[in-house]
Protein backbone atom coordinates (compact mmCIF):
# COMPACT_ATOMS: atom_id res chain seq x y z
CA UNK A 1 -6.33 -50.67 80.81
CA UNK A 2 -2.62 -51.06 81.42
CA UNK A 3 -0.46 -48.56 83.62
CA UNK A 4 -0.11 -45.26 82.08
CA UNK A 5 3.18 -44.67 83.62
CA UNK A 6 6.23 -46.25 82.05
CA UNK A 7 9.81 -46.15 83.08
CA UNK A 8 10.11 -42.65 82.60
CA UNK A 9 6.50 -40.92 82.79
CA UNK A 10 3.72 -41.27 80.32
CA UNK A 11 4.76 -41.36 76.74
CA UNK A 12 3.31 -42.10 73.40
CA UNK A 13 2.45 -40.46 70.09
CA UNK A 14 1.25 -36.97 70.60
CA UNK A 15 -2.51 -36.44 69.74
CA UNK A 16 -2.88 -40.34 69.39
CA UNK A 17 -1.56 -41.85 72.74
CA UNK A 18 -0.78 -38.60 74.46
CA UNK A 19 -3.77 -36.41 74.07
CA UNK A 20 -4.63 -32.95 75.20
CA UNK A 21 -7.48 -34.50 77.40
CA UNK A 22 -5.15 -36.95 79.02
CA UNK A 23 -2.56 -34.34 79.60
CA UNK A 24 -5.23 -32.10 81.17
CA UNK A 25 -6.68 -35.02 83.33
CA UNK A 26 -3.16 -36.00 84.60
CA UNK A 27 -2.60 -32.50 85.57
CA UNK A 28 -5.78 -32.20 87.40
CA UNK A 29 -4.94 -35.51 89.28
CA UNK A 30 -1.32 -34.46 89.80
CA UNK A 31 -2.62 -31.17 91.46
CA UNK A 32 -4.83 -33.26 94.00
CA UNK A 33 -2.07 -35.72 94.66
CA UNK A 34 1.14 -33.57 94.66
CA UNK A 35 -0.42 -30.12 95.54
CA UNK A 36 -2.15 -31.30 98.67
CA UNK A 37 0.83 -30.74 100.93
CA UNK A 38 1.24 -27.16 99.70
CA UNK A 39 -2.45 -26.50 100.36
CA UNK A 40 -2.34 -28.02 103.97
CA UNK A 41 0.53 -25.63 104.75
CA UNK A 42 -1.60 -22.67 104.26
CA UNK A 43 -0.48 -21.42 100.63
CA UNK A 44 -1.68 -22.34 97.24
CA UNK A 45 0.35 -25.07 95.48
CA UNK A 46 2.84 -24.00 92.92
CA UNK A 47 3.99 -26.04 89.84
CA UNK A 48 6.88 -25.39 87.53
CA UNK A 49 6.21 -26.33 84.01
CA UNK A 50 8.71 -26.85 81.20
CA UNK A 51 9.04 -28.48 77.75
CA UNK A 52 11.27 -29.43 74.94
CA UNK A 53 10.74 -27.66 71.56
CA UNK A 54 8.51 -30.14 69.94
CA UNK A 55 5.49 -28.71 68.13
CA UNK A 56 3.05 -30.94 70.18
CA UNK A 57 4.61 -29.42 73.19
CA UNK A 58 2.80 -26.31 72.48
CA UNK A 59 -0.87 -27.63 72.77
CA UNK A 60 0.06 -30.03 75.63
CA UNK A 61 1.83 -27.26 77.43
CA UNK A 62 -1.70 -25.62 77.28
CA UNK A 63 -3.67 -28.44 78.54
CA UNK A 64 -1.33 -29.11 81.42
CA UNK A 65 -1.56 -25.48 82.55
CA UNK A 66 -5.17 -25.47 82.04
CA UNK A 67 -5.59 -28.51 84.35
CA UNK A 68 -3.24 -27.12 86.98
CA UNK A 69 -4.71 -23.70 87.03
CA UNK A 70 -8.43 -24.78 87.21
CA UNK A 71 -7.30 -26.94 90.09
CA UNK A 72 -6.22 -23.91 91.87
CA UNK A 73 -2.61 -24.66 91.29
CA UNK A 74 -0.36 -21.35 90.35
CA UNK A 75 1.88 -22.06 87.49
CA UNK A 76 5.19 -20.99 86.73
CA UNK A 77 6.00 -21.53 82.93
CA UNK A 78 9.73 -21.82 82.26
CA UNK A 79 9.29 -22.39 78.57
CA UNK A 80 11.68 -24.61 76.43
CA UNK A 81 14.32 -25.81 78.75
CA UNK A 82 16.02 -29.34 79.60
CA UNK A 83 14.24 -31.72 81.63
CA UNK A 84 16.96 -31.31 84.43
CA UNK A 85 16.45 -27.61 84.30
CA UNK A 86 12.75 -28.12 85.14
CA UNK A 87 13.88 -30.46 88.03
CA UNK A 88 16.36 -27.80 89.36
CA UNK A 89 13.88 -25.06 89.07
CA UNK A 90 11.22 -26.87 90.94
CA UNK A 91 13.50 -27.16 93.70
CA UNK A 92 15.25 -23.67 93.20
CA UNK A 93 11.90 -22.00 93.29
CA UNK A 94 10.48 -24.14 96.31
CA UNK A 95 7.62 -25.34 93.96
CA UNK A 96 5.23 -28.08 95.22
CA UNK A 97 6.00 -30.03 92.13
CA UNK A 98 7.23 -29.81 88.44
CA UNK A 99 5.90 -31.07 85.21
CA UNK A 100 8.23 -31.74 82.10
CA UNK A 101 6.96 -32.40 78.63
CA UNK A 102 9.37 -34.27 76.56
CA UNK A 103 9.78 -37.61 74.94
CA UNK A 104 13.57 -37.58 75.32
CA UNK A 105 15.44 -39.13 72.42
CA UNK A 106 12.26 -40.43 70.70
CA UNK A 107 11.40 -39.02 67.48
CA UNK A 108 9.37 -35.95 66.91
CA UNK A 109 5.98 -37.36 66.67
CA UNK A 110 6.31 -38.64 70.09
CA UNK A 111 5.63 -36.56 73.46
CA UNK A 112 5.68 -37.27 77.05
CA UNK A 113 4.56 -36.09 80.57
CA UNK A 114 6.57 -36.58 83.68
CA UNK A 115 6.13 -35.21 87.22
CA UNK A 116 8.65 -34.05 89.71
CA UNK A 117 7.77 -33.87 93.53
CA UNK A 118 9.01 -31.10 95.73
CA UNK A 119 12.68 -30.39 95.40
CA UNK A 120 12.84 -31.63 91.78
CA UNK A 121 12.79 -35.25 92.72
CA UNK A 122 11.52 -38.13 90.43
CA UNK A 123 8.35 -39.86 91.80
CA UNK A 124 8.22 -43.27 93.29
CA UNK A 125 6.01 -45.81 91.90
CA UNK A 126 3.25 -45.43 94.67
CA UNK A 127 2.87 -41.80 93.85
CA UNK A 128 2.57 -42.39 90.31
CA UNK A 129 0.00 -44.91 90.92
CA UNK A 130 -1.84 -42.52 93.20
CA UNK A 131 -2.18 -40.05 90.26
CA UNK A 132 -3.31 -42.83 88.03
CA UNK A 133 -6.12 -43.56 90.51
CA UNK A 134 -6.88 -39.97 90.92
CA UNK A 135 -6.98 -39.51 86.95
CA UNK A 136 -9.32 -42.59 86.67
CA UNK A 137 -11.64 -41.13 89.05
CA UNK A 138 -11.68 -37.82 87.48
CA UNK A 139 -12.46 -39.26 83.96
CA UNK A 140 -15.21 -41.50 85.68
CA UNK A 141 -16.74 -38.42 87.17
CA UNK A 142 -16.05 -40.00 90.68
CA UNK A 143 -14.24 -36.73 91.74
CA UNK A 144 -17.13 -34.69 92.80
CA UNK A 145 -15.59 -34.14 96.17
CA UNK A 146 -13.05 -32.08 94.38
CA UNK A 147 -14.18 -28.55 94.84
CA UNK A 148 -13.45 -26.60 91.75
CA UNK A 149 -12.14 -23.14 92.75
CA UNK A 150 -13.72 -20.01 91.30
CA UNK A 151 -13.08 -16.42 91.40
CA UNK A 152 -9.89 -15.50 93.04
CA UNK A 153 -9.17 -19.03 93.98
CA UNK A 154 -8.18 -20.38 90.44
CA UNK A 155 -4.56 -20.87 89.78
CA UNK A 156 -2.52 -17.94 88.07
CA UNK A 157 -0.04 -18.43 85.33
CA UNK A 158 3.39 -16.36 85.03
CA UNK A 159 6.28 -16.89 82.81
CA UNK A 160 9.71 -17.21 84.27
CA UNK A 161 12.10 -16.03 81.79
CA UNK A 162 15.06 -16.04 84.40
CA UNK A 163 14.81 -19.68 84.36
CA UNK A 164 17.28 -20.00 81.51
CA UNK A 165 20.13 -17.66 83.42
CA UNK A 166 19.52 -19.27 86.73
CA UNK A 167 19.97 -22.59 85.31
CA UNK A 168 23.14 -21.97 83.46
CA UNK A 169 24.66 -20.21 86.61
CA UNK A 170 23.78 -23.44 88.47
CA UNK A 171 25.78 -25.46 86.01
CA UNK A 172 28.89 -23.28 85.90
CA UNK A 173 29.10 -22.92 89.59
CA UNK A 174 29.14 -26.68 89.94
CA UNK A 175 32.30 -27.13 88.07
CA UNK A 176 35.59 -27.63 90.12
CA UNK A 177 37.68 -25.43 87.64
CA UNK A 178 37.24 -23.47 84.55
CA UNK A 179 37.66 -24.56 80.84
CA UNK A 180 39.63 -21.88 79.61
CA UNK A 181 41.71 -23.01 76.52
CA UNK A 182 39.49 -25.81 75.58
CA UNK A 183 37.87 -25.87 72.06
CA UNK A 184 34.64 -27.93 71.94
CA UNK A 185 31.72 -28.82 69.55
CA UNK A 186 28.10 -29.24 70.93
CA UNK A 187 25.25 -31.12 69.30
CA UNK A 188 22.22 -30.07 70.86
CA UNK A 189 19.89 -32.54 68.91
CA UNK A 190 17.71 -29.64 67.85
CA UNK A 191 16.19 -29.98 71.29
CA UNK A 192 15.93 -28.43 74.77
CA UNK A 193 19.93 -27.97 75.10
CA UNK A 194 20.33 -26.04 71.86
CA UNK A 195 20.73 -22.79 73.70
CA UNK A 196 21.61 -23.85 77.09
CA UNK A 197 24.78 -26.07 76.46
CA UNK A 198 26.73 -23.61 74.26
CA UNK A 199 25.88 -20.79 76.81
CA UNK A 200 27.17 -22.85 79.77
CA UNK A 201 30.28 -24.05 78.06
CA UNK A 202 31.07 -20.45 76.93
CA UNK A 203 30.54 -18.97 80.52
CA UNK A 204 32.87 -21.68 81.81
CA UNK A 205 35.65 -20.67 79.53
CA UNK A 206 35.52 -22.96 76.58
CA UNK A 207 35.63 -21.72 73.14
CA UNK A 208 32.53 -23.43 71.33
CA UNK A 209 34.19 -23.70 67.81
CA UNK A 210 30.96 -25.15 66.19
CA UNK A 211 27.23 -26.32 67.03
CA UNK A 212 25.11 -28.92 65.32
CA UNK A 213 21.50 -29.38 66.18
CA UNK A 214 21.13 -25.77 67.35
CA UNK A 215 18.27 -24.66 65.27
CA UNK A 216 15.24 -26.24 66.75
CA UNK A 217 11.99 -25.50 64.78
CA UNK A 218 9.54 -27.96 66.50
CA UNK A 219 9.84 -30.54 63.93
CA UNK A 220 13.68 -31.56 63.63
CA UNK A 221 14.25 -32.76 67.18
CA UNK A 222 16.65 -35.79 67.31
CA UNK A 223 16.32 -35.77 63.26
CA UNK A 224 19.80 -37.07 62.26
CA UNK A 225 21.57 -35.27 65.22
CA UNK A 226 22.07 -36.01 69.02
CA UNK A 227 23.38 -38.74 71.10
CA UNK A 228 21.64 -41.25 68.95
CA UNK A 229 23.08 -40.08 65.66
CA UNK A 230 26.79 -39.34 66.69
CA UNK A 231 28.55 -39.32 63.19
CA UNK A 232 27.89 -35.75 62.47
CA UNK A 233 29.44 -34.81 65.73
CA UNK A 234 32.64 -36.92 64.93
CA UNK A 235 32.86 -35.32 61.67
CA UNK A 236 32.40 -31.64 62.87
CA UNK A 237 35.03 -32.21 65.79
CA UNK A 238 37.74 -33.35 63.53
CA UNK A 239 36.91 -30.80 60.88
CA UNK A 240 37.07 -27.86 63.60
CA UNK A 241 40.21 -29.36 65.15
CA UNK A 242 38.40 -29.25 68.48
CA UNK A 243 39.75 -30.79 71.71
CA UNK A 244 36.43 -32.78 72.29
CA UNK A 245 32.64 -32.71 71.42
CA UNK A 246 29.37 -33.43 73.29
CA UNK A 247 26.20 -34.86 72.04
CA UNK A 248 22.81 -34.47 73.95
CA UNK A 249 19.34 -35.96 73.27
CA UNK A 250 16.21 -33.93 72.91
CA UNK A 251 15.56 -33.21 76.55
CA UNK A 252 19.19 -33.13 77.36
CA UNK A 253 19.47 -35.61 80.22
CA UNK A 254 22.04 -37.61 78.29
CA UNK A 255 25.63 -36.87 77.14
CA UNK A 256 27.90 -38.69 74.91
CA UNK A 257 31.39 -37.63 73.93
CA UNK A 258 33.95 -37.65 71.15
CA UNK A 259 37.73 -37.13 71.37
CA UNK A 260 39.86 -34.94 69.04
CA UNK A 261 39.87 -37.80 66.82
CA UNK A 262 36.33 -38.44 66.46
CA UNK A 263 36.25 -41.56 68.57
CA UNK A 264 33.18 -42.17 70.82
CA UNK A 265 33.33 -42.10 74.60
CA UNK A 266 30.23 -43.55 75.83
CA UNK A 267 28.39 -43.24 79.12
CA UNK A 268 30.44 -46.09 80.83
CA UNK A 269 33.77 -44.41 79.88
CA UNK A 270 32.45 -41.05 81.01
CA UNK A 271 31.48 -42.69 84.30
CA UNK A 272 35.04 -44.26 84.74
CA UNK A 273 36.69 -40.93 84.07
CA UNK A 274 34.43 -38.99 86.54
CA UNK A 275 34.69 -41.73 89.11
CA UNK A 276 38.54 -41.53 89.29
CA UNK A 277 38.27 -37.73 89.39
CA UNK A 278 35.87 -37.57 92.23
CA UNK A 279 37.82 -40.15 94.17
CA UNK A 280 40.81 -38.01 93.87
CA UNK A 281 38.78 -34.98 95.05
CA UNK A 282 37.38 -36.79 97.96
CA UNK A 283 33.81 -36.49 96.72
CA UNK A 284 33.12 -40.04 95.60
CA UNK A 285 30.96 -41.10 98.61
CA UNK A 286 31.31 -44.53 99.77
CA UNK A 287 34.07 -45.26 97.13
CA UNK A 288 31.23 -46.42 94.77
CA UNK A 289 29.52 -45.73 91.41
CA UNK A 290 26.23 -47.18 90.36
CA UNK A 291 25.74 -48.74 86.92
CA UNK A 292 23.25 -51.21 85.44
CA UNK A 293 23.50 -54.88 84.51
CA UNK A 294 24.24 -53.61 80.95
CA UNK A 295 27.16 -51.78 81.93
CA UNK A 296 30.08 -52.97 79.86
CA UNK A 297 32.41 -55.51 81.45
CA UNK A 298 35.46 -53.27 80.80
CA UNK A 299 33.95 -50.72 82.94
CA UNK A 300 33.48 -53.43 85.79
CA UNK A 301 37.13 -54.40 85.33
CA UNK A 302 38.23 -50.87 85.35
CA UNK A 303 36.70 -49.99 88.65
CA UNK A 304 38.09 -53.32 90.26
CA UNK A 305 41.54 -52.16 89.11
CA UNK A 306 41.10 -48.81 90.54
CA UNK A 307 39.77 -50.14 93.99
CA UNK A 308 36.35 -48.63 93.30
CA UNK A 309 33.20 -50.53 93.86
CA UNK A 310 30.53 -50.87 91.18
CA UNK A 311 26.90 -51.34 92.23
CA UNK A 312 24.80 -52.65 89.58
CA UNK A 313 21.07 -52.13 89.10
CA UNK A 314 18.32 -53.21 86.69
CA UNK A 315 18.23 -51.23 83.53
CA UNK A 316 16.85 -47.70 83.82
CA UNK A 317 18.03 -44.66 85.26
CA UNK A 318 15.23 -44.57 87.93
CA UNK A 319 16.67 -47.86 89.44
CA UNK A 320 20.16 -46.17 89.21
CA UNK A 321 18.81 -42.98 91.08
CA UNK A 322 16.95 -45.18 93.78
CA UNK A 323 20.15 -47.11 94.66
CA UNK A 324 22.18 -43.76 94.92
CA UNK A 325 19.50 -42.29 97.17
CA UNK A 326 19.22 -45.23 99.49
CA UNK A 327 22.82 -45.84 99.83
CA UNK A 328 24.20 -42.30 99.72
CA UNK A 329 26.13 -42.66 96.54
CA UNK A 330 27.09 -39.51 94.59
CA UNK A 331 27.83 -40.74 90.94
CA UNK A 332 25.87 -43.26 88.87
CA UNK A 333 24.56 -43.63 85.30
CA UNK A 334 23.92 -45.77 81.96
CA UNK A 335 26.05 -46.67 78.88
CA UNK A 336 23.68 -44.25 76.90
CA UNK A 337 25.15 -41.19 78.58
CA UNK A 338 22.45 -40.80 81.41
CA UNK A 339 24.84 -39.63 84.11
CA UNK A 340 23.89 -38.63 87.56
CA UNK A 341 25.85 -36.50 89.61
CA UNK A 342 23.77 -36.25 92.79
CA UNK A 343 25.56 -33.59 94.54
CA UNK A 344 24.42 -31.00 91.98
CA UNK A 345 21.39 -32.60 90.21
CA UNK A 346 18.38 -34.73 91.06
CA UNK A 347 18.31 -36.53 87.83
CA UNK A 348 20.71 -37.00 84.57
CA UNK A 349 22.08 -33.98 83.31
CA UNK A 350 23.53 -34.04 79.94
CA UNK A 351 25.12 -30.42 80.00
CA UNK A 352 26.47 -30.95 83.47
CA UNK A 353 27.94 -34.26 82.45
CA UNK A 354 29.71 -32.72 79.47
CA UNK A 355 30.91 -29.75 81.69
CA UNK A 356 32.30 -31.88 84.41
CA UNK A 357 34.12 -34.29 81.66
CA UNK A 358 35.64 -31.07 80.12
CA UNK A 359 36.53 -29.78 83.46
CA UNK A 360 38.60 -33.02 84.18
CA UNK A 361 40.30 -32.70 80.66
CA UNK A 362 41.29 -28.85 81.51
CA UNK A 363 42.52 -29.99 85.02
CA UNK A 364 44.77 -32.87 84.01
CA UNK A 365 45.74 -31.17 80.58
CA UNK A 366 45.32 -34.66 79.26
CA UNK A 367 43.49 -35.29 76.09
CA UNK A 368 40.12 -37.04 76.41
CA UNK A 369 41.36 -39.88 74.52
CA UNK A 370 44.05 -40.46 77.10
CA UNK A 371 41.88 -40.09 79.91
CA UNK A 372 39.43 -42.57 78.39
CA UNK A 373 42.17 -45.27 78.45
CA UNK A 374 41.27 -45.87 82.07
CA UNK A 375 38.82 -48.34 80.80
CA UNK A 376 38.89 -50.75 77.81
CA UNK A 377 35.49 -51.09 76.15
CA UNK A 378 35.14 -54.67 75.58
CA UNK A 379 33.20 -55.75 72.40
CA UNK A 380 29.31 -56.21 73.25
CA UNK A 381 26.97 -57.96 71.09
CA UNK A 382 22.98 -57.76 71.56
CA UNK A 383 20.62 -59.99 69.79
CA UNK A 384 16.80 -59.87 70.29
CA UNK A 385 15.12 -63.11 69.99
CA UNK A 386 11.44 -62.47 69.13
CA UNK A 387 8.31 -64.70 69.29
CA UNK A 388 9.43 -66.64 72.30
CA UNK A 389 8.09 -67.35 75.92
CA UNK A 390 10.21 -64.61 77.73
CA UNK A 391 8.80 -65.63 81.27
CA UNK A 392 10.65 -69.04 80.84
CA UNK A 393 14.03 -67.53 80.04
CA UNK A 394 15.35 -67.81 83.47
CA UNK A 395 13.86 -71.21 84.18
CA UNK A 396 14.23 -73.30 81.21
CA UNK A 397 17.02 -75.78 82.03
CA UNK A 398 18.38 -76.14 78.45
CA UNK A 399 18.86 -72.20 78.38
CA UNK A 400 20.42 -72.08 81.78
CA UNK A 401 22.89 -74.82 80.59
CA UNK A 402 23.61 -72.98 77.44
CA UNK A 403 24.38 -69.83 79.35
CA UNK A 404 26.56 -71.60 82.08
CA UNK A 405 28.63 -73.30 79.21
CA UNK A 406 29.15 -69.80 77.42
CA UNK A 407 30.11 -68.24 80.57
CA UNK A 408 32.72 -70.96 81.29
CA UNK A 409 33.88 -70.57 77.76
CA UNK A 410 34.45 -66.77 77.93
CA UNK A 411 36.19 -66.81 81.25
CA UNK A 412 36.76 -63.51 83.34
CA UNK A 413 37.12 -61.46 80.17
CA UNK A 414 33.70 -62.31 78.99
CA UNK A 415 29.94 -61.98 80.22
CA UNK A 416 26.52 -63.29 79.14
CA UNK A 417 23.27 -61.56 79.95
CA UNK A 418 19.76 -62.96 79.10
CA UNK A 419 17.07 -60.45 79.79
CA UNK A 420 13.36 -60.53 78.82
CA UNK A 421 11.93 -57.38 77.39
CA UNK A 422 9.46 -55.58 79.53
CA UNK A 423 7.20 -54.65 76.69
CA UNK A 424 7.13 -57.22 74.13
CA UNK A 425 7.65 -61.08 73.64
CA UNK A 426 11.36 -60.73 73.16
CA UNK A 427 14.45 -62.00 74.95
CA UNK A 428 17.47 -60.00 74.68
CA UNK A 429 20.81 -61.68 74.49
CA UNK A 430 23.93 -59.76 75.49
CA UNK A 431 27.37 -61.23 75.14
CA UNK A 432 30.60 -59.49 75.77
CA UNK A 433 34.17 -60.88 75.12
CA UNK A 434 37.78 -60.02 74.38
CA UNK A 435 37.18 -59.85 70.73
CA UNK A 436 34.19 -59.31 68.38
CA UNK A 437 34.15 -62.58 66.60
CA UNK A 438 34.04 -64.54 69.95
CA UNK A 439 31.03 -62.30 71.21
CA UNK A 440 29.22 -62.83 67.97
CA UNK A 441 29.76 -66.53 67.79
CA UNK A 442 28.34 -67.02 71.43
CA UNK A 443 25.55 -64.65 71.00
CA UNK A 444 24.39 -66.47 67.77
CA UNK A 445 24.68 -69.66 69.59
CA UNK A 446 22.61 -68.64 72.73
CA UNK A 447 19.88 -66.84 70.45
CA UNK A 448 19.46 -70.23 68.58
CA UNK A 449 19.11 -71.99 71.83
CA UNK A 450 16.58 -69.47 73.25
CA UNK A 451 14.73 -69.46 69.89
CA UNK A 452 14.45 -73.33 69.90
CA UNK A 453 13.88 -74.06 73.68
CA UNK A 454 11.36 -71.10 74.22
CA UNK A 455 9.36 -71.13 70.70
CA UNK A 456 5.83 -70.11 71.39
């Protein structure tokens, strides 16, 4: 059996891959791995449980709570809230750990389960591995040494309706200035941010002139709305005469923006704007921002021009977060809009990202389009070459020679990245260049070379 935990928890089609039995078993295992610290301190472990509005989240939440309470863990159920809200409340309520049910930007049939350690921190690989081992012992009947509590020792469950207000207050309090005078449109993806984001922007002083994806019914999450479907937001911002708009994903850990003309401002551009703002405010620790190897070259050139160091990691917000925590950085993220502001959140927070970007617009009195000119987004072409021996992508001499020739041809205003997929026999060929035609030409040539040299 392969590893259950992927790059962001355990995820799959609900009731097929992620069943009630799996959710309950993982929760029992997590109770014994993550709840032990609380038990040793002389008090019963406490877990915060949140979810996005997917229909499957209802039965999966019940399974998770049953697993936890049957293991002697008291449960604080916060209901439908963003992933970063569950992480925040785990720390705010001094819980031993947190559980979030969401499949983020995935389609409605999927769902996922992720765990947070004390303080709302993401789990390192070794702790996830310990939960997996514990789960397999539980399933195999090898956990007889786990005493099942009875009577007054079973876990109790309580709803925490104050979580919504407490989280929104936290978001607004993080802002350096108010948003008075700004007109915004918000796309909540029919997800966990549908209520939170409009409320936070309103309390911060902005006028929310229109909302999209603000009527979740359990079935429509991410369906034609949100950060993976930006066109409706573009149209709504222009139609409403708004200053800017924001799109979240299903669990609201991402944020993309559009300016008054409906032009996209992606995660790299948001990071660039925030990095400059934080440097001016003296909060950009170590004068650095963390991105990934997929960050647009224009972002790298912009940071170099601004005298800000860009630290690049492997693709994935967990690697960005690891680098930030290890080196004391305050800002990092990905092109997808997963932005981490570590002084205020333990994970990516889409609503917080949007609020901070709007605060910069309000403070400078410059339109978002003007602020975004701090970086030029270079054309980026990504091709997936299927059916090839991906493990030889970095060692094949012919491929390496073709890449070197392409890099020499593109010079300082271009870039080539060959990256084997982590889940399928695919090599991803990414090329950036000063113009689209050049990027497409080089990408096609390299894809052909990979296809020929690495054919299975």
